[in-house]
Amino acid sequence: MNEILQGIRVLDFTHVASGPMCTMLLGDPGATYDNVVTSPQAQHDQAFISVNHPYYGEIKMPAFGLKFSQTPAQVKLPPPSHGEHTEEILLSFGYDKNAIKSLFETKVVF
């Protein structure tokens, strides 16, 4: 069992582009990652795809909200690991290397 999303709560996504579909799939407040992915409706709709992640191995992630027959969407890169871009984002906001080091040491960021 993949536990990447363990502890994540389900939210209402009805006001975003793929919202109604996400909310129907995740609408049960008690839903877990596994029962959402393996639900018959999600499987019928091909709502999740498998992606090979360099750290986590094979993971499931939401599929593309729109499907076009002549220009199908494809995953080019796996999703980033937790904190993978933290340093470069903080640098782009003007933090210096010492400040960033301090944030990591005090576990403000990961």
Protein backbone atom coordinates (compact mmCIF):
# COMPACT_ATOMS: atom_id res chain seq x y z
CA MET A 1 0.00 0.00 0.00
CA ASN A 2 1.26 3.47 -0.92
CA GLU A 3 1.13 5.81 2.08
CA ILE A 4 2.23 9.05 0.43
CA LEU A 5 -1.13 10.68 1.17
CA GLN A 6 -1.66 9.20 4.62
CA GLY A 7 -3.33 11.74 6.90
CA ILE A 8 -4.56 13.98 4.08
CA ARG A 9 -8.19 15.12 4.46
CA VAL A 10 -10.60 15.39 1.56
CA LEU A 11 -11.59 18.90 0.44
CA ASP A 12 -14.40 20.28 -1.71
CA PHE A 13 -12.98 21.16 -5.14
CA THR A 14 -16.23 22.28 -6.82
CA HIS A 15 -14.93 25.80 -7.58
CA VAL A 16 -11.87 24.74 -9.59
CA ALA A 17 -11.64 23.45 -13.16
CA SER A 18 -11.88 19.73 -12.48
CA GLY A 19 -13.78 20.35 -9.26
CA PRO A 20 -17.09 18.56 -9.77
CA MET A 21 -15.33 15.35 -10.78
CA CYS A 22 -12.85 15.60 -7.90
CA THR A 23 -15.64 16.25 -5.43
CA MET A 24 -17.68 13.30 -6.68
CA LEU A 25 -14.65 11.04 -6.36
CA LEU A 26 -13.44 12.41 -3.05
CA GLY A 27 -16.74 13.58 -1.63
CA ASP A 28 -17.02 11.09 1.18
CA PRO A 29 -15.29 12.84 4.12
CA GLY A 30 -14.07 9.46 5.28
CA ALA A 31 -12.55 8.54 1.92
CA THR A 32 -8.96 7.37 1.93
CA TYR A 33 -6.49 7.46 -0.92
CA ASP A 34 -6.84 3.73 -1.54
CA ASN A 35 -10.62 3.46 -1.68
CA VAL A 36 -10.87 6.51 -3.94
CA VAL A 37 -8.33 5.10 -6.38
CA THR A 38 -9.86 1.63 -6.41
CA SER A 39 -13.51 2.72 -6.54
CA PRO A 40 -15.38 1.27 -9.52
CA GLN A 41 -16.37 4.75 -10.71
CA ALA A 42 -12.78 6.04 -10.61
CA GLN A 43 -11.58 2.99 -12.50
CA HIS A 44 -14.35 3.30 -15.11
CA ASP A 45 -13.55 6.99 -15.62
CA GLN A 46 -9.78 6.30 -15.67
CA ALA A 47 -9.54 9.06 -13.06
CA PHE A 48 -6.06 8.04 -11.86
CA ILE A 49 -2.86 7.19 -13.68
CA SER A 50 0.27 5.37 -12.57
CA VAL A 51 3.54 7.30 -12.61
CA ASN A 52 7.02 6.04 -11.79
CA HIS A 53 8.58 8.30 -9.17
CA PRO A 54 12.36 8.12 -8.61
CA TYR A 55 11.95 8.09 -4.80
CA TYR A 56 8.51 6.57 -4.12
CA GLY A 57 8.36 4.05 -6.98
CA GLU A 58 5.03 3.60 -8.73
CA ILE A 59 2.42 6.06 -7.47
CA LYS A 60 -1.13 6.87 -8.51
CA MET A 61 -2.08 10.46 -9.23
CA PRO A 62 -5.19 12.14 -10.62
CA ALA A 63 -5.46 11.82 -14.38
CA PHE A 64 -5.88 14.78 -16.68
CA GLY A 65 -9.31 16.39 -16.36
CA LEU A 66 -9.84 16.67 -20.11
CA LYS A 67 -9.12 13.98 -22.67
CA PHE A 68 -8.50 14.93 -26.30
CA SER A 69 -8.29 12.17 -28.93
CA GLN A 70 -5.87 13.98 -31.25
CA THR A 71 -3.68 15.61 -28.60
CA PRO A 72 -3.62 13.29 -25.61
CA ALA A 73 -2.00 14.63 -22.45
CA GLN A 74 1.00 12.82 -21.03
CA VAL A 75 3.13 12.95 -17.92
CA LYS A 76 6.62 14.15 -18.75
CA LEU A 77 7.99 14.36 -15.21
CA PRO A 78 6.92 12.85 -11.90
CA PRO A 79 5.52 15.17 -9.25
CA PRO A 80 8.19 16.76 -7.05
CA SER A 81 9.11 15.15 -3.75
CA HIS A 82 8.13 16.96 -0.57
CA GLY A 83 10.44 19.96 -0.24
CA GLU A 84 12.28 19.30 -3.49
CA HIS A 85 12.14 22.95 -4.60
CA THR A 86 12.02 24.68 -1.22
CA GLU A 87 15.48 26.22 -1.43
CA GLU A 88 15.11 27.59 -4.95
CA ILE A 89 11.67 29.05 -4.13
CA LEU A 90 13.01 30.77 -1.00
CA LEU A 91 15.97 32.11 -2.98
CA SER A 92 13.54 33.53 -5.56
CA PHE A 93 11.73 35.34 -2.73
CA GLY A 94 14.98 37.00 -1.67
CA TYR A 95 16.05 34.82 1.28
CA ASP A 96 19.82 34.38 1.53
CA LYS A 97 21.55 31.03 2.00
CA ASN A 98 22.12 31.58 5.75
CA ALA A 99 18.45 32.41 6.38
CA ILE A 100 17.37 29.34 4.42
CA LYS A 101 19.82 27.15 6.35
CA SER A 102 18.34 28.46 9.60
CA LEU A 103 14.79 27.68 8.40
CA PHE A 104 15.81 24.10 7.61
CA GLU A 105 17.66 23.67 10.93
CA THR A 106 14.66 24.89 12.96
CA LYS A 107 12.35 22.71 10.84
CA VAL A 108 10.27 25.68 9.68
CA VAL A 109 10.69 24.26 6.15
CA PHE A 110 11.66 20.83 4.90
